[in-house]
Amino acid sequence: YDMPKNVSQNIIFIIMRAQHPVLLTAGKFFVVN
């Protein structure tokens, strides 16, 4: 919130990408957890 606007906009994209975490999958359809 103290950073320049163009920098804080980049942070939004990082947060959006983090909403899709890395999943260990079996056959790319069955999540292993």
PDB file of all heavy atoms in Angstrom:
ATOM      1  N   TYR A   1       0.818  -1.214   0.000  1.00  0.00           N
ATOM      2  CA  TYR A   1       0.000   0.000   0.000  1.00  0.00           C
ATOM      3  C   TYR A   1       0.856   1.271   0.000  1.00  0.00           C
ATOM      4  O   TYR A   1       0.357   2.366  -0.271  1.00  0.00           O
ATOM      5  CB  TYR A   1      -0.938   0.007   1.211  1.00  0.00           C
ATOM      6  CG  TYR A   1      -0.291  -0.505   2.475  1.00  0.00           C
ATOM      7  CD1 TYR A   1       0.509   0.318   3.258  1.00  0.00           C
ATOM      8  CD2 TYR A   1      -0.471  -1.829   2.875  1.00  0.00           C
ATOM      9  CE1 TYR A   1       1.106  -0.167   4.404  1.00  0.00           C
ATOM     10  CE2 TYR A   1       0.125  -2.315   4.016  1.00  0.00           C
ATOM     11  CZ  TYR A   1       0.910  -1.494   4.786  1.00  0.00           C
ATOM     12  OH  TYR A   1       1.520  -1.967   5.917  1.00  0.00           O
ATOM     13  N   ASP A   2       2.147   1.150   0.335  1.00  0.00           N
ATOM     14  CA  ASP A   2       3.039   2.299   0.295  1.00  0.00           C
ATOM     15  C   ASP A   2       3.860   2.350  -0.987  1.00  0.00           C
ATOM     16  O   ASP A   2       4.689   3.256  -1.164  1.00  0.00           O
ATOM     17  CB  ASP A   2       4.012   2.257   1.489  1.00  0.00           C
ATOM     18  CG  ASP A   2       3.294   2.513   2.803  1.00  0.00           C
ATOM     19  OD1 ASP A   2       2.266   3.229   2.775  1.00  0.00           O
ATOM     20  OD2 ASP A   2       3.754   2.001   3.839  1.00  0.00           O
ATOM     21  N   MET A   3       3.654   1.398  -1.862  1.00  0.00           N
ATOM     22  CA  MET A   3       4.449   1.329  -3.085  1.00  0.00           C
ATOM     23  C   MET A   3       3.787   2.116  -4.206  1.00  0.00           C
ATOM     24  O   MET A   3       2.582   2.396  -4.162  1.00  0.00           O
ATOM     25  CB  MET A   3       4.618  -0.136  -3.515  1.00  0.00           C
ATOM     26  CG  MET A   3       5.370  -0.984  -2.511  1.00  0.00           C
ATOM     27  SD  MET A   3       5.486  -2.710  -3.056  1.00  0.00           S
ATOM     28  CE  MET A   3       6.264  -3.449  -1.621  1.00  0.00           C
ATOM     29  N   PRO A   4       4.549   2.461  -5.227  1.00  0.00           N
ATOM     30  CA  PRO A   4       3.959   3.148  -6.394  1.00  0.00           C
ATOM     31  C   PRO A   4       2.875   2.296  -7.043  1.00  0.00           C
ATOM     32  O   PRO A   4       2.862   1.073  -6.926  1.00  0.00           O
ATOM     33  CB  PRO A   4       5.156   3.342  -7.322  1.00  0.00           C
ATOM     34  CG  PRO A   4       6.353   3.278  -6.438  1.00  0.00           C
ATOM     35  CD  PRO A   4       6.006   2.353  -5.323  1.00  0.00           C
ATOM     36  N   LYS A   5       1.981   2.957  -7.757  1.00  0.00           N
ATOM     37  CA  LYS A   5       0.836   2.265  -8.333  1.00  0.00           C
ATOM     38  C   LYS A   5       1.249   1.188  -9.323  1.00  0.00           C
ATOM     39  O   LYS A   5       0.673   0.089  -9.336  1.00  0.00           O
ATOM     40  CB  LYS A   5      -0.072   3.285  -9.011  1.00  0.00           C
ATOM     41  CG  LYS A   5      -1.369   2.685  -9.538  1.00  0.00           C
ATOM     42  CD  LYS A   5      -2.271   3.757 -10.127  1.00  0.00           C
ATOM     43  CE  LYS A   5      -3.569   3.136 -10.637  1.00  0.00           C
ATOM     44  NZ  LYS A   5      -4.469   4.172 -11.217  1.00  0.00           N
ATOM     45  N   ASN A   6       2.246   1.482 -10.167  1.00  0.00           N
ATOM     46  CA  ASN A   6       2.651   0.488 -11.167  1.00  0.00           C
ATOM     47  C   ASN A   6       3.265  -0.758 -10.519  1.00  0.00           C
ATOM     48  O   ASN A   6       3.162  -1.873 -11.035  1.00  0.00           O
ATOM     49  CB  ASN A   6       3.631   1.105 -12.154  1.00  0.00           C
ATOM     50  CG  ASN A   6       4.873   1.662 -11.467  1.00  0.00           C
ATOM     51  OD1 ASN A   6       4.879   1.859 -10.252  1.00  0.00           O
ATOM     52  ND2 ASN A   6       5.909   1.922 -12.236  1.00  0.00           N
ATOM     53  N   VAL A   7       3.900  -0.584  -9.340  1.00  0.00           N
ATOM     54  CA  VAL A   7       4.475  -1.721  -8.625  1.00  0.00           C
ATOM     55  C   VAL A   7       3.370  -2.539  -7.949  1.00  0.00           C
ATOM     56  O   VAL A   7       3.363  -3.777  -8.002  1.00  0.00           O
ATOM     57  CB  VAL A   7       5.504  -1.244  -7.585  1.00  0.00           C
ATOM     58  CG1 VAL A   7       6.025  -2.428  -6.775  1.00  0.00           C
ATOM     59  CG2 VAL A   7       6.649  -0.526  -8.266  1.00  0.00           C
ATOM     60  N   SER A   8       2.421  -1.870  -7.309  1.00  0.00           N
ATOM     61  CA  SER A   8       1.343  -2.584  -6.621  1.00  0.00           C
ATOM     62  C   SER A   8       0.463  -3.352  -7.602  1.00  0.00           C
ATOM     63  O   SER A   8      -0.103  -4.392  -7.254  1.00  0.00           O
ATOM     64  CB  SER A   8       0.487  -1.595  -5.823  1.00  0.00           C
ATOM     65  OG  SER A   8      -0.065  -0.606  -6.674  1.00  0.00           O
ATOM     66  N   GLN A   9       0.345  -2.869  -8.844  1.00  0.00           N
ATOM     67  CA  GLN A   9      -0.426  -3.604  -9.852  1.00  0.00           C
ATOM     68  C   GLN A   9       0.239  -4.944 -10.186  1.00  0.00           C
ATOM     69  O   GLN A   9      -0.442  -5.952 -10.398  1.00  0.00           O
ATOM     70  CB  GLN A   9      -0.574  -2.762 -11.115  1.00  0.00           C
ATOM     71  CG  GLN A   9      -1.572  -1.611 -10.968  1.00  0.00           C
ATOM     72  CD  GLN A   9      -1.635  -0.759 -12.211  1.00  0.00           C
ATOM     73  OE1 GLN A   9      -0.740  -0.788 -13.055  1.00  0.00           O
ATOM     74  NE2 GLN A   9      -2.701   0.024 -12.344  1.00  0.00           N
ATOM     75  N   ASN A  10       1.560  -4.949 -10.220  1.00  0.00           N
ATOM     76  CA  ASN A  10       2.271  -6.206 -10.473  1.00  0.00           C
ATOM     77  C   ASN A  10       2.033  -7.219  -9.351  1.00  0.00           C
ATOM     78  O   ASN A  10       1.953  -8.422  -9.583  1.00  0.00           O
ATOM     79  CB  ASN A  10       3.773  -5.946 -10.619  1.00  0.00           C
ATOM     80  CG  ASN A  10       4.089  -5.139 -11.871  1.00  0.00           C
ATOM     81  OD1 ASN A  10       3.351  -5.193 -12.848  1.00  0.00           O
ATOM     82  ND2 ASN A  10       5.184  -4.396 -11.838  1.00  0.00           N
ATOM     83  N   ILE A  11       1.919  -6.696  -8.128  1.00  0.00           N
ATOM     84  CA  ILE A  11       1.683  -7.573  -6.988  1.00  0.00           C
ATOM     85  C   ILE A  11       0.329  -8.265  -7.095  1.00  0.00           C
ATOM     86  O   ILE A  11       0.163  -9.420  -6.698  1.00  0.00           O
ATOM     87  CB  ILE A  11       1.792  -6.762  -5.680  1.00  0.00           C
ATOM     88  CG1 ILE A  11       3.248  -6.352  -5.456  1.00  0.00           C
ATOM     89  CG2 ILE A  11       1.276  -7.557  -4.493  1.00  0.00           C
ATOM     90  CD1 ILE A  11       3.477  -5.536  -4.221  1.00  0.00           C
ATOM     91  N   ILE A  12      -0.655  -7.561  -7.683  1.00  0.00           N
ATOM     92  CA  ILE A  12      -1.976  -8.163  -7.857  1.00  0.00           C
ATOM     93  C   ILE A  12      -1.887  -9.410  -8.736  1.00  0.00           C
ATOM     94  O   ILE A  12      -2.500 -10.451  -8.444  1.00  0.00           O
ATOM     95  CB  ILE A  12      -2.948  -7.137  -8.479  1.00  0.00           C
ATOM     96  CG1 ILE A  12      -3.197  -5.991  -7.495  1.00  0.00           C
ATOM     97  CG2 ILE A  12      -4.270  -7.811  -8.854  1.00  0.00           C
ATOM     98  CD1 ILE A  12      -4.065  -4.890  -8.048  1.00  0.00           C
ATOM     99  N   PHE A  13      -1.082  -9.341  -9.798  1.00  0.00           N
ATOM    100  CA  PHE A  13      -0.939 -10.502 -10.685  1.00  0.00           C
ATOM    101  C   PHE A  13      -0.234 -11.665  -9.982  1.00  0.00           C
ATOM    102  O   PHE A  13      -0.552 -12.832 -10.224  1.00  0.00           O
ATOM    103  CB  PHE A  13      -0.160 -10.096 -11.937  1.00  0.00           C
ATOM    104  CG  PHE A  13      -0.928  -9.187 -12.864  1.00  0.00           C
ATOM    105  CD1 PHE A  13      -0.596  -7.852 -12.982  1.00  0.00           C
ATOM    106  CD2 PHE A  13      -2.002  -9.677 -13.587  1.00  0.00           C
ATOM    107  CE1 PHE A  13      -1.303  -7.018 -13.831  1.00  0.00           C
ATOM    108  CE2 PHE A  13      -2.722  -8.847 -14.439  1.00  0.00           C
ATOM    109  CZ  PHE A  13      -2.375  -7.510 -14.563  1.00  0.00           C
ATOM    110  N   ILE A  14       0.713 -11.330  -9.095  1.00  0.00           N
ATOM    111  CA  ILE A  14       1.391 -12.392  -8.332  1.00  0.00           C
ATOM    112  C   ILE A  14       0.399 -13.099  -7.414  1.00  0.00           C
ATOM    113  O   ILE A  14       0.385 -14.329  -7.316  1.00  0.00           O
ATOM    114  CB  ILE A  14       2.557 -11.792  -7.524  1.00  0.00           C
ATOM    115  CG1 ILE A  14       3.606 -11.192  -8.455  1.00  0.00           C
ATOM    116  CG2 ILE A  14       3.193 -12.857  -6.643  1.00  0.00           C
ATOM    117  CD1 ILE A  14       4.712 -10.449  -7.732  1.00  0.00           C
ATOM    118  N   ILE A  15      -0.463 -12.320  -6.762  1.00  0.00           N
ATOM    119  CA  ILE A  15      -1.468 -12.899  -5.869  1.00  0.00           C
ATOM    120  C   ILE A  15      -2.455 -13.755  -6.662  1.00  0.00           C
ATOM    121  O   ILE A  15      -2.851 -14.847  -6.224  1.00  0.00           O
ATOM    122  CB  ILE A  15      -2.199 -11.792  -5.092  1.00  0.00           C
ATOM    123  CG1 ILE A  15      -1.221 -11.052  -4.173  1.00  0.00           C
ATOM    124  CG2 ILE A  15      -3.354 -12.366  -4.281  1.00  0.00           C
ATOM    125  CD1 ILE A  15      -1.829  -9.873  -3.446  1.00  0.00           C
ATOM    126  N   MET A  16      -2.845 -13.276  -7.841  1.00  0.00           N
ATOM    127  CA  MET A  16      -3.773 -14.042  -8.682  1.00  0.00           C
ATOM    128  C   MET A  16      -3.153 -15.384  -9.080  1.00  0.00           C
ATOM    129  O   MET A  16      -3.833 -16.414  -9.069  1.00  0.00           O
ATOM    130  CB  MET A  16      -4.137 -13.236  -9.926  1.00  0.00           C
ATOM    131  CG  MET A  16      -5.023 -12.025  -9.659  1.00  0.00           C
ATOM    132  SD  MET A  16      -5.301 -11.029 -11.140  1.00  0.00           S
ATOM    133  CE  MET A  16      -6.083 -12.230 -12.217  1.00  0.00           C
ATOM    134  N   ARG A  17      -1.862 -15.380  -9.437  1.00  0.00           N
ATOM    135  CA  ARG A  17      -1.216 -16.639  -9.833  1.00  0.00           C
ATOM    136  C   ARG A  17      -1.101 -17.595  -8.655  1.00  0.00           C
ATOM    137  O   ARG A  17      -1.206 -18.821  -8.821  1.00  0.00           O
ATOM    138  CB  ARG A  17       0.175 -16.351 -10.407  1.00  0.00           C
ATOM    139  CG  ARG A  17       0.931 -17.601 -10.841  1.00  0.00           C
ATOM    140  CD  ARG A  17       0.170 -18.345 -11.923  1.00  0.00           C
ATOM    141  NE  ARG A  17       0.782 -19.616 -12.285  1.00  0.00           N
ATOM    142  CZ  ARG A  17       0.575 -20.765 -11.660  1.00  0.00           C
ATOM    143  NH1 ARG A  17      -0.258 -20.823 -10.615  1.00  0.00           N
ATOM    144  NH2 ARG A  17       1.171 -21.877 -12.073  1.00  0.00           N
ATOM    145  N   ALA A  18      -0.905 -17.037  -7.459  1.00  0.00           N
ATOM    146  CA  ALA A  18      -0.778 -17.884  -6.267  1.00  0.00           C
ATOM    147  C   ALA A  18      -2.089 -18.548  -5.889  1.00  0.00           C
ATOM    148  O   ALA A  18      -2.094 -19.509  -5.109  1.00  0.00           O
ATOM    149  CB  ALA A  18      -0.250 -17.061  -5.096  1.00  0.00           C
ATOM    150  N   GLN A  19      -3.215 -18.052  -6.428  1.00  0.00           N
ATOM    151  CA  GLN A  19      -4.505 -18.684  -6.146  1.00  0.00           C
ATOM    152  C   GLN A  19      -4.653 -20.030  -6.846  1.00  0.00           C
ATOM    153  O   GLN A  19      -5.586 -20.783  -6.566  1.00  0.00           O
ATOM    154  CB  GLN A  19      -5.645 -17.751  -6.578  1.00  0.00           C
ATOM    155  CG  GLN A  19      -5.652 -16.412  -5.874  1.00  0.00           C
ATOM    156  CD  GLN A  19      -5.651 -16.539  -4.366  1.00  0.00           C
ATOM    157  OE1 GLN A  19      -6.476 -17.246  -3.801  1.00  0.00           O
ATOM    158  NE2 GLN A  19      -4.730 -15.838  -3.719  1.00  0.00           N
ATOM    159  N   HIS A  20      -3.733 -20.342  -7.751  1.00  0.00           N
ATOM    160  CA  HIS A  20      -3.716 -21.630  -8.445  1.00  0.00           C
ATOM    161  C   HIS A  20      -2.424 -22.352  -8.062  1.00  0.00           C
ATOM    162  O   HIS A  20      -1.435 -22.307  -8.780  1.00  0.00           O
ATOM    163  CB  HIS A  20      -3.797 -21.439  -9.960  1.00  0.00           C
ATOM    164  CG  HIS A  20      -5.031 -20.707 -10.412  1.00  0.00           C
ATOM    165  ND1 HIS A  20      -6.252 -21.331 -10.552  1.00  0.00           N
ATOM    166  CD2 HIS A  20      -5.230 -19.397 -10.711  1.00  0.00           C
ATOM    167  CE1 HIS A  20      -7.149 -20.445 -10.944  1.00  0.00           C
ATOM    168  NE2 HIS A  20      -6.558 -19.263 -11.053  1.00  0.00           N
ATOM    169  N   PRO A  21      -2.415 -22.995  -6.907  1.00  0.00           N
ATOM    170  CA  PRO A  21      -1.176 -23.596  -6.397  1.00  0.00           C
ATOM    171  C   PRO A  21      -0.742 -24.799  -7.226  1.00  0.00           C
ATOM    172  O   PRO A  21      -1.506 -25.354  -8.020  1.00  0.00           O
ATOM    173  CB  PRO A  21      -1.554 -24.015  -4.972  1.00  0.00           C
ATOM    174  CG  PRO A  21      -3.032 -24.262  -5.037  1.00  0.00           C
ATOM    175  CD  PRO A  21      -3.554 -23.255  -6.015  1.00  0.00           C
ATOM    176  N   VAL A  22       0.495 -25.221  -7.001  1.00  0.00           N
ATOM    177  CA  VAL A  22       1.030 -26.413  -7.654  1.00  0.00           C
ATOM    178  C   VAL A  22       0.410 -27.645  -7.004  1.00  0.00           C
ATOM    179  O   VAL A  22       0.403 -27.774  -5.783  1.00  0.00           O
ATOM    180  CB  VAL A  22       2.563 -26.463  -7.532  1.00  0.00           C
ATOM    181  CG1 VAL A  22       3.102 -27.757  -8.124  1.00  0.00           C
ATOM    182  CG2 VAL A  22       3.190 -25.254  -8.234  1.00  0.00           C
ATOM    183  N   LEU A  23      -0.116 -28.517  -7.832  1.00  0.00           N
ATOM    184  CA  LEU A  23      -0.757 -29.740  -7.338  1.00  0.00           C
ATOM    185  C   LEU A  23      -0.012 -30.952  -7.879  1.00  0.00           C
ATOM    186  O   LEU A  23       0.269 -31.034  -9.075  1.00  0.00           O
ATOM    187  CB  LEU A  23      -2.228 -29.800  -7.771  1.00  0.00           C
ATOM    188  CG  LEU A  23      -3.138 -28.663  -7.290  1.00  0.00           C
ATOM    189  CD1 LEU A  23      -4.526 -28.801  -7.896  1.00  0.00           C
ATOM    190  CD2 LEU A  23      -3.219 -28.625  -5.777  1.00  0.00           C
ATOM    191  N   LEU A  24       0.296 -31.873  -6.990  1.00  0.00           N
ATOM    192  CA  LEU A  24       0.887 -33.145  -7.403  1.00  0.00           C
ATOM    193  C   LEU A  24      -0.261 -34.030  -7.874  1.00  0.00           C
ATOM    194  O   LEU A  24      -1.172 -34.341  -7.108  1.00  0.00           O
ATOM    195  CB  LEU A  24       1.620 -33.787  -6.230  1.00  0.00           C
ATOM    196  CG  LEU A  24       2.475 -35.020  -6.531  1.00  0.00           C
ATOM    197  CD1 LEU A  24       3.606 -34.666  -7.475  1.00  0.00           C
ATOM    198  CD2 LEU A  24       3.026 -35.605  -5.239  1.00  0.00           C
ATOM    199  N   THR A  25      -0.217 -34.430  -9.139  1.00  0.00           N
ATOM    200  CA  THR A  25      -1.351 -35.146  -9.716  1.00  0.00           C
ATOM    201  C   THR A  25      -0.933 -36.512 -10.237  1.00  0.00           C
ATOM    202  O   THR A  25       0.220 -36.725 -10.632  1.00  0.00           O
ATOM    203  CB  THR A  25      -1.973 -34.348 -10.874  1.00  0.00           C
ATOM    204  OG1 THR A  25      -0.983 -34.094 -11.882  1.00  0.00           O
ATOM    205  CG2 THR A  25      -2.529 -33.026 -10.374  1.00  0.00           C
ATOM    206  N   ALA A  26      -1.881 -37.422 -10.232  1.00  0.00           N
ATOM    207  CA  ALA A  26      -1.698 -38.746 -10.818  1.00  0.00           C
ATOM    208  C   ALA A  26      -2.449 -38.763 -12.144  1.00  0.00           C
ATOM    209  O   ALA A  26      -3.680 -38.668 -12.163  1.00  0.00           O
ATOM    210  CB  ALA A  26      -2.231 -39.830  -9.882  1.00  0.00           C
ATOM    211  N   GLY A  27      -1.711 -38.881 -13.239  1.00  0.00           N
ATOM    212  CA  GLY A  27      -2.337 -38.846 -14.546  1.00  0.00           C
ATOM    213  C   GLY A  27      -2.932 -37.504 -14.910  1.00  0.00           C
ATOM    214  O   GLY A  27      -3.787 -37.412 -15.800  1.00  0.00           O
ATOM    215  N   LYS A  28      -2.550 -36.450 -14.216  1.00  0.00           N
ATOM    216  CA  LYS A  28      -2.993 -35.078 -14.468  1.00  0.00           C
ATOM    217  C   LYS A  28      -4.498 -34.874 -14.239  1.00  0.00           C
ATOM    218  O   LYS A  28      -5.074 -33.894 -14.712  1.00  0.00           O
ATOM    219  CB  LYS A  28      -2.643 -34.656 -15.907  1.00  0.00           C
ATOM    220  CG  LYS A  28      -1.145 -34.638 -16.181  1.00  0.00           C
ATOM    221  CD  LYS A  28      -0.845 -34.116 -17.565  1.00  0.00           C
ATOM    222  CE  LYS A  28       0.657 -34.074 -17.807  1.00  0.00           C
ATOM    223  NZ  LYS A  28       1.009 -33.568 -19.137  1.00  0.00           N
ATOM    224  N   PHE A  29      -5.110 -35.784 -13.498  1.00  0.00           N
ATOM    225  CA  PHE A  29      -6.537 -35.599 -13.204  1.00  0.00           C
ATOM    226  C   PHE A  29      -6.877 -35.939 -11.763  1.00  0.00           C
ATOM    227  O   PHE A  29      -7.929 -35.548 -11.265  1.00  0.00           O
ATOM    228  CB  PHE A  29      -7.397 -36.459 -14.144  1.00  0.00           C
ATOM    229  CG  PHE A  29      -7.166 -37.928 -14.034  1.00  0.00           C
ATOM    230  CD1 PHE A  29      -7.847 -38.702 -13.105  1.00  0.00           C
ATOM    231  CD2 PHE A  29      -6.244 -38.552 -14.867  1.00  0.00           C
ATOM    232  CE1 PHE A  29      -7.625 -40.059 -13.006  1.00  0.00           C
ATOM    233  CE2 PHE A  29      -6.022 -39.913 -14.777  1.00  0.00           C
ATOM    234  CZ  PHE A  29      -6.712 -40.667 -13.845  1.00  0.00           C
ATOM    235  N   PHE A  30      -5.981 -36.656 -11.038  1.00  0.00           N
ATOM    236  CA  PHE A  30      -6.257 -37.074  -9.673  1.00  0.00           C
ATOM    237  C   PHE A  30      -5.235 -36.432  -8.753  1.00  0.00           C
ATOM    238  O   PHE A  30      -4.053 -36.739  -8.830  1.00  0.00           O
ATOM    239  CB  PHE A  30      -6.192 -38.611  -9.585  1.00  0.00           C
ATOM    240  CG  PHE A  30      -6.811 -39.174  -8.344  1.00  0.00           C
ATOM    241  CD1 PHE A  30      -8.177 -39.271  -8.211  1.00  0.00           C
ATOM    242  CD2 PHE A  30      -6.015 -39.611  -7.294  1.00  0.00           C
ATOM    243  CE1 PHE A  30      -8.751 -39.804  -7.071  1.00  0.00           C
ATOM    244  CE2 PHE A  30      -6.575 -40.134  -6.148  1.00  0.00           C
ATOM    245  CZ  PHE A  30      -7.951 -40.235  -6.037  1.00  0.00           C
ATOM    246  N   VAL A  31      -5.690 -35.515  -7.918  1.00  0.00           N
ATOM    247  CA  VAL A  31      -4.794 -34.763  -7.044  1.00  0.00           C
ATOM    248  C   VAL A  31      -4.324 -35.645  -5.889  1.00  0.00           C
ATOM    249  O   VAL A  31      -5.132 -36.353  -5.266  1.00  0.00           O
ATOM    250  CB  VAL A  31      -5.494 -33.503  -6.501  1.00  0.00           C
ATOM    251  CG1 VAL A  31      -4.561 -32.745  -5.560  1.00  0.00           C
ATOM    252  CG2 VAL A  31      -5.940 -32.614  -7.640  1.00  0.00           C
ATOM    253  N   VAL A  32      -3.021 -35.611  -5.634  1.00  0.00           N
ATOM    254  CA  VAL A  32      -2.435 -36.410  -4.552  1.00  0.00           C
ATOM    255  C   VAL A  32      -2.157 -35.496  -3.369  1.00  0.00           C
ATOM    256  O   VAL A  32      -1.259 -34.645  -3.422  1.00  0.00           O
ATOM    257  CB  VAL A  32      -1.135 -37.106  -5.014  1.00  0.00           C
ATOM    258  CG1 VAL A  32      -0.542 -37.930  -3.876  1.00  0.00           C
ATOM    259  CG2 VAL A  32      -1.403 -37.989  -6.219  1.00  0.00           C
ATOM    260  N   ASN A  33      -2.921 -35.630  -2.314  1.00  0.00           N
ATOM    261  CA  ASN A  33      -2.719 -34.864  -1.086  1.00  0.00           C
ATOM    262  C   ASN A  33      -3.250 -35.694   0.084  1.00  0.00           C
ATOM    263  O   ASN A  33      -3.548 -36.880  -0.062  1.00  0.00           O
ATOM    264  CB  ASN A  33      -3.406 -33.493  -1.173  1.00  0.00           C
ATOM    265  CG  ASN A  33      -4.865 -33.607  -1.589  1.00  0.00           C
ATOM    266  OD1 ASN A  33      -5.510 -34.636  -1.389  1.00  0.00           O
ATOM    267  ND2 ASN A  33      -5.397 -32.555  -2.183  1.00  0.00           N
TER     268      ASN A  33
END
